[in-house]
Amino acid sequence: GEVVFQSRRHALHEAALQRLVDAGLTYPCYCTRREIREAT
C-alpha cells in the first residue's frame, strides 16, 4: 500500500484521547520538567 503519515491521523488520535478522558482515566498535569526531575 501507500506510505502512511502519522501527522494525517490526528482525528484518530483525538478520538482515542477523548475516549480516555470520558472514561475518567486521565488528569491534567501542570508539572514542569524541572519539577518532575527534582521530584524523581
PDB file of all heavy atoms in Angstrom:
ATOM      1  N   GLY A   1       0.804  -1.214   0.000  1.00  0.00           N
ATOM      2  CA  GLY A   1       0.000   0.000   0.000  1.00  0.00           C
ATOM      3  C   GLY A   1       0.836   1.262   0.000  1.00  0.00           C
ATOM      4  O   GLY A   1       2.050   1.252  -0.235  1.00  0.00           O
ATOM      5  N   GLU A   2       0.160   2.368   0.259  1.00  0.00           N
ATOM      6  CA  GLU A   2       0.817   3.665   0.300  1.00  0.00           C
ATOM      7  C   GLU A   2       1.497   3.881   1.658  1.00  0.00           C
ATOM      8  O   GLU A   2       1.121   3.275   2.660  1.00  0.00           O
ATOM      9  CB  GLU A   2      -0.205   4.784   0.078  1.00  0.00           C
ATOM     10  CG  GLU A   2      -0.909   4.732  -1.273  1.00  0.00           C
ATOM     11  CD  GLU A   2       0.047   4.975  -2.440  1.00  0.00           C
ATOM     12  OE1 GLU A   2       0.981   5.790  -2.265  1.00  0.00           O
ATOM     13  OE2 GLU A   2      -0.155   4.362  -3.498  1.00  0.00           O
ATOM     14  N   VAL A   3       2.490   4.737   1.654  1.00  0.00           N
ATOM     15  CA  VAL A   3       3.124   5.121   2.921  1.00  0.00           C
ATOM     16  C   VAL A   3       2.096   5.869   3.770  1.00  0.00           C
ATOM     17  O   VAL A   3       1.365   6.733   3.275  1.00  0.00           O
ATOM     18  CB  VAL A   3       4.348   6.030   2.659  1.00  0.00           C
ATOM     19  CG1 VAL A   3       4.962   6.490   3.985  1.00  0.00           C
ATOM     20  CG2 VAL A   3       5.380   5.293   1.810  1.00  0.00           C
ATOM     21  N   VAL A   4       2.036   5.508   5.046  1.00  0.00           N
ATOM     22  CA  VAL A   4       1.106   6.136   5.982  1.00  0.00           C
ATOM     23  C   VAL A   4       1.839   7.246   6.732  1.00  0.00           C
ATOM     24  O   VAL A   4       2.994   7.067   7.141  1.00  0.00           O
ATOM     25  CB  VAL A   4       0.554   5.096   6.982  1.00  0.00           C
ATOM     26  CG1 VAL A   4      -0.320   5.764   8.040  1.00  0.00           C
ATOM     27  CG2 VAL A   4      -0.236   4.020   6.238  1.00  0.00           C
ATOM     28  N   PHE A   5       1.175   8.385   6.905  1.00  0.00           N
ATOM     29  CA  PHE A   5       1.780   9.514   7.608  1.00  0.00           C
ATOM     30  C   PHE A   5       1.026   9.759   8.912  1.00  0.00           C
ATOM     31  O   PHE A   5      -0.183  10.026   8.903  1.00  0.00           O
ATOM     32  CB  PHE A   5       1.771  10.766   6.738  1.00  0.00           C
ATOM     33  CG  PHE A   5       2.708  10.677   5.569  1.00  0.00           C
ATOM     34  CD1 PHE A   5       2.273  10.150   4.356  1.00  0.00           C
ATOM     35  CD2 PHE A   5       4.029  11.086   5.694  1.00  0.00           C
ATOM     36  CE1 PHE A   5       3.148  10.042   3.283  1.00  0.00           C
ATOM     37  CE2 PHE A   5       4.908  10.993   4.614  1.00  0.00           C
ATOM     38  CZ  PHE A   5       4.467  10.455   3.414  1.00  0.00           C
ATOM     39  N   GLN A   6       1.740   9.658  10.010  1.00  0.00           N
ATOM     40  CA  GLN A   6       1.122   9.820  11.319  1.00  0.00           C
ATOM     41  C   GLN A   6       0.494  11.201  11.478  1.00  0.00           C
ATOM     42  O   GLN A   6      -0.549  11.349  12.122  1.00  0.00           O
ATOM     43  CB  GLN A   6       2.173   9.582  12.404  1.00  0.00           C
ATOM     44  CG  GLN A   6       1.614   9.319  13.783  1.00  0.00           C
ATOM     45  CD  GLN A   6       2.676   8.888  14.752  1.00  0.00           C
ATOM     46  OE1 GLN A   6       3.670   9.586  14.937  1.00  0.00           O
ATOM     47  NE2 GLN A   6       2.485   7.740  15.383  1.00  0.00           N
ATOM     48  N   SER A   7       1.101  12.218  10.876  1.00  0.00           N
ATOM     49  CA  SER A   7       0.609  13.589  11.018  1.00  0.00           C
ATOM     50  C   SER A   7      -0.770  13.788  10.392  1.00  0.00           C
ATOM     51  O   SER A   7      -1.447  14.788  10.687  1.00  0.00           O
ATOM     52  CB  SER A   7       1.603  14.565  10.378  1.00  0.00           C
ATOM     53  OG  SER A   7       1.744  14.290   8.988  1.00  0.00           O
ATOM     54  N   ARG A   8      -1.195  12.863   9.535  1.00  0.00           N
ATOM     55  CA  ARG A   8      -2.501  12.970   8.891  1.00  0.00           C
ATOM     56  C   ARG A   8      -3.575  12.187   9.645  1.00  0.00           C
ATOM     57  O   ARG A   8      -4.696  12.030   9.142  1.00  0.00           O
ATOM     58  CB  ARG A   8      -2.402  12.485   7.449  1.00  0.00           C
ATOM     59  CG  ARG A   8      -1.388  13.260   6.605  1.00  0.00           C
ATOM     60  CD  ARG A   8      -1.222  12.658   5.228  1.00  0.00           C
ATOM     61  NE  ARG A   8      -0.131  13.306   4.489  1.00  0.00           N
ATOM     62  CZ  ARG A   8       0.307  12.906   3.299  1.00  0.00           C
ATOM     63  NH1 ARG A   8      -0.255  11.862   2.703  1.00  0.00           N
ATOM     64  NH2 ARG A   8       1.316  13.540   2.710  1.00  0.00           N
ATOM     65  N   ARG A   9      -3.238  11.703  10.804  1.00  0.00           N
ATOM     66  CA  ARG A   9      -4.148  10.832  11.541  1.00  0.00           C
ATOM     67  C   ARG A   9      -4.595  11.453  12.869  1.00  0.00           C
ATOM     68  O   ARG A   9      -4.977  10.747  13.805  1.00  0.00           O
ATOM     69  CB  ARG A   9      -3.451   9.487  11.778  1.00  0.00           C
ATOM     70  CG  ARG A   9      -3.007   8.834  10.476  1.00  0.00           C
ATOM     71  CD  ARG A   9      -2.086   7.638  10.712  1.00  0.00           C
ATOM     72  NE  ARG A   9      -2.766   6.529  11.351  1.00  0.00           N
ATOM     73  CZ  ARG A   9      -3.532   5.648  10.710  1.00  0.00           C
ATOM     74  NH1 ARG A   9      -3.741   5.773   9.405  1.00  0.00           N
ATOM     75  NH2 ARG A   9      -4.112   4.657  11.355  1.00  0.00           N
ATOM     76  N   HIS A  10      -4.537  12.769  12.941  1.00  0.00           N
ATOM     77  CA  HIS A  10      -4.863  13.448  14.201  1.00  0.00           C
ATOM     78  C   HIS A  10      -6.290  13.161  14.661  1.00  0.00           C
ATOM     79  O   HIS A  10      -6.560  13.097  15.869  1.00  0.00           O
ATOM     80  CB  HIS A  10      -4.655  14.962  14.069  1.00  0.00           C
ATOM     81  CG  HIS A  10      -3.224  15.381  14.168  1.00  0.00           C
ATOM     82  ND1 HIS A  10      -2.371  14.909  15.139  1.00  0.00           N
ATOM     83  CD2 HIS A  10      -2.484  16.249  13.410  1.00  0.00           C
ATOM     84  CE1 HIS A  10      -1.182  15.448  14.990  1.00  0.00           C
ATOM     85  NE2 HIS A  10      -1.215  16.254  13.947  1.00  0.00           N
ATOM     86  N   ALA A  11      -7.217  13.002  13.711  1.00  0.00           N
ATOM     87  CA  ALA A  11      -8.603  12.747  14.099  1.00  0.00           C
ATOM     88  C   ALA A  11      -8.716  11.447  14.882  1.00  0.00           C
ATOM     89  O   ALA A  11      -9.457  11.366  15.873  1.00  0.00           O
ATOM     90  CB  ALA A  11      -9.498  12.705  12.860  1.00  0.00           C
ATOM     91  N   LEU A  12      -7.978  10.430  14.463  1.00  0.00           N
ATOM     92  CA  LEU A  12      -7.965   9.152  15.186  1.00  0.00           C
ATOM     93  C   LEU A  12      -7.372   9.319  16.580  1.00  0.00           C
ATOM     94  O   LEU A  12      -7.888   8.788  17.564  1.00  0.00           O
ATOM     95  CB  LEU A  12      -7.167   8.106  14.406  1.00  0.00           C
ATOM     96  CG  LEU A  12      -7.823   7.492  13.173  1.00  0.00           C
ATOM     97  CD1 LEU A  12      -6.817   6.625  12.434  1.00  0.00           C
ATOM     98  CD2 LEU A  12      -9.037   6.670  13.573  1.00  0.00           C
ATOM     99  N   HIS A  13      -6.261  10.049  16.648  1.00  0.00           N
ATOM    100  CA  HIS A  13      -5.603  10.261  17.937  1.00  0.00           C
ATOM    101  C   HIS A  13      -6.518  11.036  18.886  1.00  0.00           C
ATOM    102  O   HIS A  13      -6.626  10.690  20.072  1.00  0.00           O
ATOM    103  CB  HIS A  13      -4.287  11.031  17.736  1.00  0.00           C
ATOM    104  CG  HIS A  13      -3.359  10.402  16.761  1.00  0.00           C
ATOM    105  ND1 HIS A  13      -2.437  11.115  16.031  1.00  0.00           N
ATOM    106  CD2 HIS A  13      -3.206   9.109  16.377  1.00  0.00           C
ATOM    107  CE1 HIS A  13      -1.756  10.296  15.250  1.00  0.00           C
ATOM    108  NE2 HIS A  13      -2.209   9.079  15.438  1.00  0.00           N
ATOM    109  N   GLU A  14      -7.158  12.079  18.367  1.00  0.00           N
ATOM    110  CA  GLU A  14      -8.027  12.903  19.204  1.00  0.00           C
ATOM    111  C   GLU A  14      -9.235  12.105  19.697  1.00  0.00           C
ATOM    112  O   GLU A  14      -9.674  12.261  20.845  1.00  0.00           O
ATOM    113  CB  GLU A  14      -8.490  14.134  18.423  1.00  0.00           C
ATOM    114  CG  GLU A  14      -7.380  15.136  18.113  1.00  0.00           C
ATOM    115  CD  GLU A  14      -6.843  15.819  19.360  1.00  0.00           C
ATOM    116  OE1 GLU A  14      -7.509  15.754  20.410  1.00  0.00           O
ATOM    117  OE2 GLU A  14      -5.753  16.416  19.282  1.00  0.00           O
ATOM    118  N   ALA A  15      -9.773  11.250  18.839  1.00  0.00           N
ATOM    119  CA  ALA A  15     -10.923  10.432  19.246  1.00  0.00           C
ATOM    120  C   ALA A  15     -10.530   9.472  20.366  1.00  0.00           C
ATOM    121  O   ALA A  15     -11.288   9.282  21.329  1.00  0.00           O
ATOM    122  CB  ALA A  15     -11.467   9.665  18.044  1.00  0.00           C
ATOM    123  N   ALA A  16      -9.346   8.863  20.250  1.00  0.00           N
ATOM    124  CA  ALA A  16      -8.877   7.954  21.293  1.00  0.00           C
ATOM    125  C   ALA A  16      -8.629   8.716  22.592  1.00  0.00           C
ATOM    126  O   ALA A  16      -8.969   8.240  23.684  1.00  0.00           O
ATOM    127  CB  ALA A  16      -7.604   7.255  20.831  1.00  0.00           C
ATOM    128  N   LEU A  17      -8.052   9.895  22.462  1.00  0.00           N
ATOM    129  CA  LEU A  17      -7.792  10.728  23.637  1.00  0.00           C
ATOM    130  C   LEU A  17      -9.096  11.074  24.349  1.00  0.00           C
ATOM    131  O   LEU A  17      -9.196  10.984  25.585  1.00  0.00           O
ATOM    132  CB  LEU A  17      -7.064  11.997  23.187  1.00  0.00           C
ATOM    133  CG  LEU A  17      -6.462  12.892  24.256  1.00  0.00           C
ATOM    134  CD1 LEU A  17      -5.402  12.157  25.056  1.00  0.00           C
ATOM    135  CD2 LEU A  17      -5.859  14.139  23.602  1.00  0.00           C
ATOM    136  N   GLN A  18     -10.100  11.415  23.579  1.00  0.00           N
ATOM    137  CA  GLN A  18     -11.387  11.782  24.180  1.00  0.00           C
ATOM    138  C   GLN A  18     -12.027  10.588  24.877  1.00  0.00           C
ATOM    139  O   GLN A  18     -12.665  10.741  25.932  1.00  0.00           O
ATOM    140  CB  GLN A  18     -12.330  12.341  23.106  1.00  0.00           C
ATOM    141  CG  GLN A  18     -13.569  13.010  23.670  1.00  0.00           C
ATOM    142  CD  GLN A  18     -13.230  14.183  24.577  1.00  0.00           C
ATOM    143  OE1 GLN A  18     -12.456  15.068  24.209  1.00  0.00           O
ATOM    144  NE2 GLN A  18     -13.806  14.206  25.784  1.00  0.00           N
ATOM    145  N   ARG A  19     -11.857   9.398  24.322  1.00  0.00           N
ATOM    146  CA  ARG A  19     -12.390   8.194  24.972  1.00  0.00           C
ATOM    147  C   ARG A  19     -11.778   8.005  26.356  1.00  0.00           C
ATOM    148  O   ARG A  19     -12.471   7.655  27.316  1.00  0.00           O
ATOM    149  CB  ARG A  19     -12.097   6.949  24.116  1.00  0.00           C
ATOM    150  CG  ARG A  19     -13.007   6.772  22.920  1.00  0.00           C
ATOM    151  CD  ARG A  19     -12.607   5.541  22.128  1.00  0.00           C
ATOM    152  NE  ARG A  19     -12.587   4.339  22.962  1.00  0.00           N
ATOM    153  CZ  ARG A  19     -12.020   3.194  22.590  1.00  0.00           C
ATOM    154  NH1 ARG A  19     -11.414   3.112  21.411  1.00  0.00           N
ATOM    155  NH2 ARG A  19     -12.059   2.146  23.393  1.00  0.00           N
ATOM    156  N   LEU A  20     -10.492   8.245  26.457  1.00  0.00           N
ATOM    157  CA  LEU A  20      -9.807   8.082  27.739  1.00  0.00           C
ATOM    158  C   LEU A  20     -10.257   9.150  28.732  1.00  0.00           C
ATOM    159  O   LEU A  20     -10.433   8.876  29.923  1.00  0.00           O
ATOM    160  CB  LEU A  20      -8.296   8.143  27.531  1.00  0.00           C
ATOM    161  CG  LEU A  20      -7.708   7.012  26.673  1.00  0.00           C
ATOM    162  CD1 LEU A  20      -6.228   7.260  26.405  1.00  0.00           C
ATOM    163  CD2 LEU A  20      -7.904   5.654  27.346  1.00  0.00           C
ATOM    164  N   VAL A  21     -10.445  10.377  28.238  1.00  0.00           N
ATOM    165  CA  VAL A  21     -10.923  11.462  29.101  1.00  0.00           C
ATOM    166  C   VAL A  21     -12.331  11.147  29.595  1.00  0.00           C
ATOM    167  O   VAL A  21     -12.642  11.264  30.790  1.00  0.00           O
ATOM    168  CB  VAL A  21     -10.901  12.806  28.350  1.00  0.00           C
ATOM    169  CG1 VAL A  21     -11.590  13.898  29.166  1.00  0.00           C
ATOM    170  CG2 VAL A  21      -9.464  13.218  28.039  1.00  0.00           C
ATOM    171  N   ASP A  22     -13.207  10.723  28.675  1.00  0.00           N
ATOM    172  CA  ASP A  22     -14.597  10.433  29.032  1.00  0.00           C
ATOM    173  C   ASP A  22     -14.691   9.285  30.030  1.00  0.00           C
ATOM    174  O   ASP A  22     -15.630   9.231  30.841  1.00  0.00           O
ATOM    175  CB  ASP A  22     -15.408  10.097  27.777  1.00  0.00           C
ATOM    176  CG  ASP A  22     -15.592  11.292  26.858  1.00  0.00           C
ATOM    177  OD1 ASP A  22     -15.366  12.435  27.316  1.00  0.00           O
ATOM    178  OD2 ASP A  22     -15.950  11.089  25.679  1.00  0.00           O
ATOM    179  N   ALA A  23     -13.736   8.362  29.964  1.00  0.00           N
ATOM    180  CA  ALA A  23     -13.738   7.217  30.879  1.00  0.00           C
ATOM    181  C   ALA A  23     -13.161   7.567  32.243  1.00  0.00           C
ATOM    182  O   ALA A  23     -13.133   6.711  33.145  1.00  0.00           O
ATOM    183  CB  ALA A  23     -12.956   6.061  30.265  1.00  0.00           C
ATOM    184  N   GLY A  24     -12.701   8.806  32.419  1.00  0.00           N
ATOM    185  CA  GLY A  24     -12.153   9.235  33.698  1.00  0.00           C
ATOM    186  C   GLY A  24     -10.776   8.662  33.994  1.00  0.00           C
ATOM    187  O   GLY A  24     -10.383   8.576  35.161  1.00  0.00           O
ATOM    188  N   LEU A  25     -10.049   8.324  32.947  1.00  0.00           N
ATOM    189  CA  LEU A  25      -8.751   7.677  33.128  1.00  0.00           C
ATOM    190  C   LEU A  25      -7.586   8.654  33.040  1.00  0.00           C
ATOM    191  O   LEU A  25      -6.430   8.242  33.133  1.00  0.00           O
ATOM    192  CB  LEU A  25      -8.562   6.575  32.077  1.00  0.00           C
ATOM    193  CG  LEU A  25      -9.574   5.429  32.132  1.00  0.00           C
ATOM    194  CD1 LEU A  25      -9.339   4.454  30.973  1.00  0.00           C
ATOM    195  CD2 LEU A  25      -9.482   4.695  33.465  1.00  0.00           C
ATOM    196  N   THR A  26      -7.868   9.933  32.864  1.00  0.00           N
ATOM    197  CA  THR A  26      -6.808  10.913  32.655  1.00  0.00           C
ATOM    198  C   THR A  26      -6.907  12.038  33.679  1.00  0.00           C
ATOM    199  O   THR A  26      -7.922  12.192  34.375  1.00  0.00           O
ATOM    200  CB  THR A  26      -6.897  11.526  31.250  1.00  0.00           C
ATOM    201  OG1 THR A  26      -8.101  12.306  31.155  1.00  0.00           O
ATOM    202  CG2 THR A  26      -6.918  10.454  30.179  1.00  0.00           C
ATOM    203  N   TYR A  27      -5.860  12.828  33.753  1.00  0.00           N
ATOM    204  CA  TYR A  27      -5.892  14.044  34.568  1.00  0.00           C
ATOM    205  C   TYR A  27      -4.876  15.036  34.016  1.00  0.00           C
ATOM    206  O   TYR A  27      -3.873  14.642  33.406  1.00  0.00           O
ATOM    207  CB  TYR A  27      -5.613  13.741  36.045  1.00  0.00           C
ATOM    208  CG  TYR A  27      -4.237  13.185  36.348  1.00  0.00           C
ATOM    209  CD1 TYR A  27      -3.150  14.027  36.585  1.00  0.00           C
ATOM    210  CD2 TYR A  27      -4.032  11.816  36.425  1.00  0.00           C
ATOM    211  CE1 TYR A  27      -1.891  13.515  36.887  1.00  0.00           C
ATOM    212  CE2 TYR A  27      -2.785  11.287  36.731  1.00  0.00           C
ATOM    213  CZ  TYR A  27      -1.720  12.148  36.960  1.00  0.00           C
ATOM    214  OH  TYR A  27      -0.472  11.640  37.257  1.00  0.00           O
ATOM    215  N   PRO A  28      -5.132  16.342  34.217  1.00  0.00           N
ATOM    216  CA  PRO A  28      -4.175  17.354  33.748  1.00  0.00           C
ATOM    217  C   PRO A  28      -2.969  17.403  34.680  1.00  0.00           C
ATOM    218  O   PRO A  28      -3.088  17.290  35.895  1.00  0.00           O
ATOM    219  CB  PRO A  28      -4.977  18.654  33.805  1.00  0.00           C
ATOM    220  CG  PRO A  28      -6.015  18.404  34.854  1.00  0.00           C
ATOM    221  CD  PRO A  28      -6.354  16.953  34.774  1.00  0.00           C
ATOM    222  N   CYS A  29      -1.805  17.567  34.079  1.00  0.00           N
ATOM    223  CA  CYS A  29      -0.558  17.647  34.850  1.00  0.00           C
ATOM    224  C   CYS A  29       0.106  18.985  34.553  1.00  0.00           C
ATOM    225  O   CYS A  29       0.439  19.286  33.400  1.00  0.00           O
ATOM    226  CB  CYS A  29       0.378  16.499  34.479  1.00  0.00           C
ATOM    227  SG  CYS A  29       1.976  16.569  35.313  1.00  0.00           S
ATOM    228  N   TYR A  30       0.323  19.783  35.616  1.00  0.00           N
ATOM    229  CA  TYR A  30       0.883  21.117  35.478  1.00  0.00           C
ATOM    230  C   TYR A  30       2.387  21.151  35.764  1.00  0.00           C
ATOM    231  O   TYR A  30       2.996  22.214  35.719  1.00  0.00           O
ATOM    232  CB  TYR A  30       0.163  22.079  36.430  1.00  0.00           C
ATOM    233  CG  TYR A  30      -1.312  22.208  36.149  1.00  0.00           C
ATOM    234  CD1 TYR A  30      -2.219  21.341  36.753  1.00  0.00           C
ATOM    235  CD2 TYR A  30      -1.797  23.176  35.284  1.00  0.00           C
ATOM    236  CE1 TYR A  30      -3.583  21.446  36.499  1.00  0.00           C
ATOM    237  CE2 TYR A  30      -3.152  23.293  35.029  1.00  0.00           C
ATOM    238  CZ  TYR A  30      -4.043  22.422  35.631  1.00  0.00           C
ATOM    239  OH  TYR A  30      -5.386  22.522  35.375  1.00  0.00           O
ATOM    240  N   CYS A  31       2.967  19.995  36.075  1.00  0.00           N
ATOM    241  CA  CYS A  31       4.381  19.950  36.458  1.00  0.00           C
ATOM    242  C   CYS A  31       5.285  20.334  35.291  1.00  0.00           C
ATOM    243  O   CYS A  31       5.055  19.933  34.146  1.00  0.00           O
ATOM    244  CB  CYS A  31       4.765  18.544  36.927  1.00  0.00           C
ATOM    245  SG  CYS A  31       3.908  17.992  38.406  1.00  0.00           S
ATOM    246  N   THR A  32       6.314  21.092  35.587  1.00  0.00           N
ATOM    247  CA  THR A  32       7.344  21.359  34.594  1.00  0.00           C
ATOM    248  C   THR A  32       8.347  20.210  34.602  1.00  0.00           C
ATOM    249  O   THR A  32       8.386  19.396  35.541  1.00  0.00           O
ATOM    250  CB  THR A  32       8.090  22.661  34.905  1.00  0.00           C
ATOM    251  OG1 THR A  32       8.794  22.510  36.158  1.00  0.00           O
ATOM    252  CG2 THR A  32       7.119  23.832  35.008  1.00  0.00           C
ATOM    253  N   ARG A  33       9.157  20.127  33.576  1.00  0.00           N
ATOM    254  CA  ARG A  33      10.178  19.086  33.535  1.00  0.00           C
ATOM    255  C   ARG A  33      11.136  19.201  34.716  1.00  0.00           C
ATOM    256  O   ARG A  33      11.572  18.190  35.274  1.00  0.00           O
ATOM    257  CB  ARG A  33      10.960  19.164  32.221  1.00  0.00           C
ATOM    258  CG  ARG A  33      10.140  18.784  31.003  1.00  0.00           C
ATOM    259  CD  ARG A  33      10.983  18.814  29.750  1.00  0.00           C
ATOM    260  NE  ARG A  33      10.212  18.428  28.574  1.00  0.00           N
ATOM    261  CZ  ARG A  33      10.699  18.366  27.348  1.00  0.00           C
ATOM    262  NH1 ARG A  33      11.983  18.667  27.141  1.00  0.00           N
ATOM    263  NH2 ARG A  33       9.942  18.005  26.339  1.00  0.00           N
ATOM    264  N   ARG A  34      11.444  20.429  35.083  1.00  0.00           N
ATOM    265  CA  ARG A  34      12.344  20.633  36.215  1.00  0.00           C
ATOM    266  C   ARG A  34      11.724  20.105  37.506  1.00  0.00           C
ATOM    267  O   ARG A  34      12.408  19.442  38.304  1.00  0.00           O
ATOM    268  CB  ARG A  34      12.674  22.115  36.358  1.00  0.00           C
ATOM    269  CG  ARG A  34      13.588  22.422  37.541  1.00  0.00           C
ATOM    270  CD  ARG A  34      13.913  23.902  37.625  1.00  0.00           C
ATOM    271  NE  ARG A  34      14.722  24.205  38.792  1.00  0.00           N
ATOM    272  CZ  ARG A  34      15.150  25.424  39.107  1.00  0.00           C
ATOM    273  NH1 ARG A  34      14.848  26.448  38.322  1.00  0.00           N
ATOM    274  NH2 ARG A  34      15.880  25.610  40.187  1.00  0.00           N
ATOM    275  N   GLU A  35      10.456  20.378  37.707  1.00  0.00           N
ATOM    276  CA  GLU A  35       9.791  19.905  38.921  1.00  0.00           C
ATOM    277  C   GLU A  35       9.743  18.383  38.982  1.00  0.00           C
ATOM    278  O   GLU A  35       9.937  17.784  40.042  1.00  0.00           O
ATOM    279  CB  GLU A  35       8.382  20.495  38.995  1.00  0.00           C
ATOM    280  CG  GLU A  35       8.375  21.992  39.290  1.00  0.00           C
ATOM    281  CD  GLU A  35       7.015  22.626  39.061  1.00  0.00           C
ATOM    282  OE1 GLU A  35       6.159  21.988  38.394  1.00  0.00           O
ATOM    283  OE2 GLU A  35       6.806  23.751  39.540  1.00  0.00           O
ATOM    284  N   ILE A  36       9.483  17.769  37.837  1.00  0.00           N
ATOM    285  CA  ILE A  36       9.456  16.310  37.804  1.00  0.00           C
ATOM    286  C   ILE A  36      10.847  15.749  38.082  1.00  0.00           C
ATOM    287  O   ILE A  36      11.011  14.794  38.841  1.00  0.00           O
ATOM    288  CB  ILE A  36       8.937  15.818  36.435  1.00  0.00           C
ATOM    289  CG1 ILE A  36       7.474  16.222  36.262  1.00  0.00           C
ATOM    290  CG2 ILE A  36       9.100  14.300  36.315  1.00  0.00           C
ATOM    291  CD1 ILE A  36       6.935  15.950  34.879  1.00  0.00           C
ATOM    292  N   ARG A  37      11.855  16.363  37.466  1.00  0.00           N
ATOM    293  CA  ARG A  37      13.229  15.895  37.679  1.00  0.00           C
ATOM    294  C   ARG A  37      13.618  16.004  39.145  1.00  0.00           C
ATOM    295  O   ARG A  37      14.221  15.090  39.712  1.00  0.00           O
ATOM    296  CB  ARG A  37      14.191  16.700  36.806  1.00  0.00           C
ATOM    297  CG  ARG A  37      15.638  16.223  36.887  1.00  0.00           C
ATOM    298  CD  ARG A  37      16.501  16.892  35.828  1.00  0.00           C
ATOM    299  NE  ARG A  37      16.520  18.340  35.977  1.00  0.00           N
ATOM    300  CZ  ARG A  37      15.915  19.181  35.141  1.00  0.00           C
ATOM    301  NH1 ARG A  37      15.231  18.716  34.113  1.00  0.00           N
ATOM    302  NH2 ARG A  37      15.988  20.484  35.335  1.00  0.00           N
ATOM    303  N   GLU A  38      13.275  17.107  39.771  1.00  0.00           N
ATOM    304  CA  GLU A  38      13.615  17.285  41.179  1.00  0.00           C
ATOM    305  C   GLU A  38      12.885  16.269  42.058  1.00  0.00           C
ATOM    306  O   GLU A  38      13.446  15.748  43.024  1.00  0.00           O
ATOM    307  CB  GLU A  38      13.275  18.713  41.613  1.00  0.00           C
ATOM    308  CG  GLU A  38      14.206  19.759  41.006  1.00  0.00           C
ATOM    309  CD  GLU A  38      13.781  21.186  41.349  1.00  0.00           C
ATOM    310  OE1 GLU A  38      12.646  21.350  41.880  1.00  0.00           O
ATOM    311  OE2 GLU A  38      14.567  22.116  41.076  1.00  0.00           O
ATOM    312  N   ALA A  39      11.638  15.971  41.710  1.00  0.00           N
ATOM    313  CA  ALA A  39      10.880  15.000  42.498  1.00  0.00           C
ATOM    314  C   ALA A  39      11.465  13.599  42.369  1.00  0.00           C
ATOM    315  O   ALA A  39      11.533  12.841  43.335  1.00  0.00           O
ATOM    316  CB  ALA A  39       9.414  14.996  42.056  1.00  0.00           C
ATOM    317  N   THR A  40      11.920  13.265  41.157  1.00  0.00           N
ATOM    318  CA  THR A  40      12.466  11.917  40.962  1.00  0.00           C
ATOM    319  C   THR A  40      13.818  11.754  41.635  1.00  0.00           C
ATOM    320  O   THR A  40      14.236  10.639  41.930  1.00  0.00           O
ATOM    321  CB  THR A  40      12.624  11.595  39.460  1.00  0.00           C
ATOM    322  OG1 THR A  40      13.519  12.545  38.858  1.00  0.00           O
ATOM    323  CG2 THR A  40      11.296  11.631  38.745  1.00  0.00           C
TER     324      THR A  40
END
